[in-house]
Amino acid sequence: MADEITAGRNAARALTARAPGWMVWYGERTGSFWAVPRAGTAIVPRMLEAQTADDLENEIRRAEGRPTREQTQPETEEAARHRRPPAETPAPRIPVGR
């Protein structure tokens, strides 16, 4: 768990360097990456959240009206660790004659 938190923090720091108008952090309890525009910047009036630092960078670019980065590189091991598995869909309940 400590390794995951350290990796998340490092990824958030790296994204902060690439997005200077934003405050970026890794949520230790949520496992998500978060960003808000820095004070004095009227880009979006809300927080942004994403499962990976790469996804958050794309959200920041969309909010700024810039094109997103093309995902030409394979997913990194770090990004794979921070990706949540898809939610399980419960089996449909079928009424049985009573």
C-alpha atoms as a PDB file:
ATOM      1  CA  MET A   1       0.000   0.000   0.000  1.00  0.00           C
ATOM      2  CA  ALA A   2       2.817   2.403   0.842  1.00  0.00           C
ATOM      3  CA  ASP A   3       4.386   1.758  -2.584  1.00  0.00           C
ATOM      4  CA  GLU A   4       1.072   2.575  -4.297  1.00  0.00           C
ATOM      5  CA  ILE A   5       0.746   5.835  -2.363  1.00  0.00           C
ATOM      6  CA  THR A   6       4.344   6.806  -3.128  1.00  0.00           C
ATOM      7  CA  ALA A   7       3.837   6.029  -6.828  1.00  0.00           C
ATOM      8  CA  GLY A   8       0.602   8.053  -6.860  1.00  0.00           C
ATOM      9  CA  ARG A   9       2.267  11.027  -5.198  1.00  0.00           C
ATOM     10  CA  ASN A  10       5.189  10.882  -7.641  1.00  0.00           C
ATOM     11  CA  ALA A  11       2.818  10.749 -10.624  1.00  0.00           C
ATOM     12  CA  ALA A  12       0.904  13.755  -9.228  1.00  0.00           C
ATOM     13  CA  ARG A  13       4.161  15.716  -8.806  1.00  0.00           C
ATOM     14  CA  ALA A  14       5.164  14.944 -12.389  1.00  0.00           C
ATOM     15  CA  LEU A  15       1.765  16.101 -13.662  1.00  0.00           C
ATOM     16  CA  THR A  16       2.024  19.293 -11.583  1.00  0.00           C
ATOM     17  CA  ALA A  17       5.229  20.105 -13.466  1.00  0.00           C
ATOM     18  CA  ARG A  18       3.414  19.629 -16.809  1.00  0.00           C
ATOM     19  CA  ALA A  19       0.306  21.604 -15.736  1.00  0.00           C
ATOM     20  CA  PRO A  20       1.600  24.723 -13.939  1.00  0.00           C
ATOM     21  CA  GLY A  21      -1.819  26.429 -13.721  1.00  0.00           C
ATOM     22  CA  TRP A  22      -3.243  23.557 -11.686  1.00  0.00           C
ATOM     23  CA  MET A  23      -2.902  22.150  -8.188  1.00  0.00           C
ATOM     24  CA  VAL A  24      -2.716  18.357  -8.567  1.00  0.00           C
ATOM     25  CA  TRP A  25      -2.726  15.639  -5.908  1.00  0.00           C
ATOM     26  CA  TYR A  26      -3.220  11.921  -5.421  1.00  0.00           C
ATOM     27  CA  GLY A  27      -6.066  10.932  -3.102  1.00  0.00           C
ATOM     28  CA  GLU A  28      -4.690   8.237  -0.824  1.00  0.00           C
ATOM     29  CA  ARG A  29      -8.138   7.073   0.256  1.00  0.00           C
ATOM     30  CA  THR A  30      -9.884   7.386  -3.116  1.00  0.00           C
ATOM     31  CA  GLY A  31      -7.008   6.144  -5.272  1.00  0.00           C
ATOM     32  CA  SER A  32      -7.911   8.915  -7.744  1.00  0.00           C
ATOM     33  CA  PHE A  33      -5.958  11.850  -9.093  1.00  0.00           C
ATOM     34  CA  TRP A  34      -7.471  15.303  -8.499  1.00  0.00           C
ATOM     35  CA  ALA A  35      -6.866  18.819  -9.846  1.00  0.00           C
ATOM     36  CA  VAL A  36      -8.214  22.334  -9.344  1.00  0.00           C
ATOM     37  CA  PRO A  37      -7.148  25.501 -11.150  1.00  0.00           C
ATOM     38  CA  ARG A  38      -4.813  27.680  -9.095  1.00  0.00           C
ATOM     39  CA  ALA A  39      -6.214  30.897  -7.601  1.00  0.00           C
ATOM     40  CA  GLY A  40      -6.658  33.668 -10.121  1.00  0.00           C
ATOM     41  CA  THR A  41      -7.254  31.222 -12.968  1.00  0.00           C
ATOM     42  CA  ALA A  42     -10.809  31.071 -14.283  1.00  0.00           C
ATOM     43  CA  ILE A  43     -10.572  27.875 -16.322  1.00  0.00           C
ATOM     44  CA  VAL A  44     -13.232  25.670 -14.748  1.00  0.00           C
ATOM     45  CA  PRO A  45     -15.273  26.238 -11.597  1.00  0.00           C
ATOM     46  CA  ARG A  46     -14.858  22.680 -10.312  1.00  0.00           C
ATOM     47  CA  MET A  47     -12.421  19.957  -9.370  1.00  0.00           C
ATOM     48  CA  LEU A  48     -11.359  17.391 -11.920  1.00  0.00           C
ATOM     49  CA  GLU A  49     -10.938  13.711 -11.037  1.00  0.00           C
ATOM     50  CA  ALA A  50      -9.485  10.785 -12.972  1.00  0.00           C
ATOM     51  CA  GLN A  51      -8.278   7.259 -12.285  1.00  0.00           C
ATOM     52  CA  THR A  52      -4.771   7.824 -13.679  1.00  0.00           C
ATOM     53  CA  ALA A  53      -2.408  10.774 -13.980  1.00  0.00           C
ATOM     54  CA  ASP A  54      -2.541  10.443 -17.788  1.00  0.00           C
ATOM     55  CA  ASP A  55      -6.342  10.601 -17.763  1.00  0.00           C
ATOM     56  CA  LEU A  56      -6.239  13.652 -15.482  1.00  0.00           C
ATOM     57  CA  GLU A  57      -3.801  15.358 -17.835  1.00  0.00           C
ATOM     58  CA  ASN A  58      -6.270  14.795 -20.680  1.00  0.00           C
ATOM     59  CA  GLU A  59      -9.096  16.229 -18.534  1.00  0.00           C
ATOM     60  CA  ILE A  60      -6.966  19.308 -17.792  1.00  0.00           C
ATOM     61  CA  ARG A  61      -6.221  19.746 -21.492  1.00  0.00           C
ATOM     62  CA  ARG A  62      -9.946  19.489 -22.325  1.00  0.00           C
ATOM     63  CA  ALA A  63     -10.775  22.080 -19.643  1.00  0.00           C
ATOM     64  CA  GLU A  64      -8.162  24.418 -21.129  1.00  0.00           C
ATOM     65  CA  GLY A  65      -9.507  23.858 -24.645  1.00  0.00           C
ATOM     66  CA  ARG A  66      -6.317  22.129 -25.790  1.00  0.00           C
ATOM     67  CA  PRO A  67      -6.169  18.821 -27.663  1.00  0.00           C
ATOM     68  CA  THR A  68      -5.564  15.750 -25.526  1.00  0.00           C
ATOM     69  CA  ARG A  69      -2.365  13.764 -25.771  1.00  0.00           C
ATOM     70  CA  GLU A  70      -2.616  10.800 -28.045  1.00  0.00           C
ATOM     71  CA  GLN A  71      -2.182   7.549 -26.196  1.00  0.00           C
ATOM     72  CA  THR A  72       0.603   6.234 -28.419  1.00  0.00           C
ATOM     73  CA  GLN A  73       2.555   4.637 -25.588  1.00  0.00           C
ATOM     74  CA  PRO A  74       1.432   1.425 -23.921  1.00  0.00           C
ATOM     75  CA  GLU A  75      -0.027   1.775 -20.442  1.00  0.00           C
ATOM     76  CA  THR A  76       2.709   2.002 -17.841  1.00  0.00           C
ATOM     77  CA  GLU A  77       2.861  -0.371 -14.909  1.00  0.00           C
ATOM     78  CA  GLU A  78       2.159   2.591 -12.617  1.00  0.00           C
ATOM     79  CA  ALA A  79      -0.964   3.568 -14.556  1.00  0.00           C
ATOM     80  CA  ALA A  80      -2.173  -0.034 -14.510  1.00  0.00           C
ATOM     81  CA  ARG A  81      -1.833  -0.125 -10.711  1.00  0.00           C
ATOM     82  CA  HIS A  82      -4.031   2.965 -10.376  1.00  0.00           C
ATOM     83  CA  ARG A  83      -6.736   1.845 -12.786  1.00  0.00           C
ATOM     84  CA  ARG A  84      -9.853   0.643 -11.023  1.00  0.00           C
ATOM     85  CA  PRO A  85     -11.318  -2.637 -12.214  1.00  0.00           C
ATOM     86  CA  PRO A  86     -14.680  -2.306 -13.959  1.00  0.00           C
ATOM     87  CA  ALA A  87     -17.621  -2.428 -11.599  1.00  0.00           C
ATOM     88  CA  GLU A  88     -19.289  -5.800 -11.453  1.00  0.00           C
ATOM     89  CA  THR A  89     -22.821  -5.780 -12.758  1.00  0.00           C
ATOM     90  CA  PRO A  90     -25.126  -7.804 -10.543  1.00  0.00           C
ATOM     91  CA  ALA A  91     -27.015 -10.607 -12.233  1.00  0.00           C
ATOM     92  CA  PRO A  92     -30.554  -9.566 -13.125  1.00  0.00           C
ATOM     93  CA  ARG A  93     -33.206 -10.765 -10.748  1.00  0.00           C
ATOM     94  CA  ILE A  94     -35.722 -12.957 -12.482  1.00  0.00           C
ATOM     95  CA  PRO A  95     -39.010 -13.363 -10.668  1.00  0.00           C
ATOM     96  CA  VAL A  96     -39.856 -16.973  -9.982  1.00  0.00           C
ATOM     97  CA  GLY A  97     -43.461 -18.118  -9.725  1.00  0.00           C
ATOM     98  CA  ARG A  98     -44.689 -18.141  -6.163  1.00  0.00           C
END
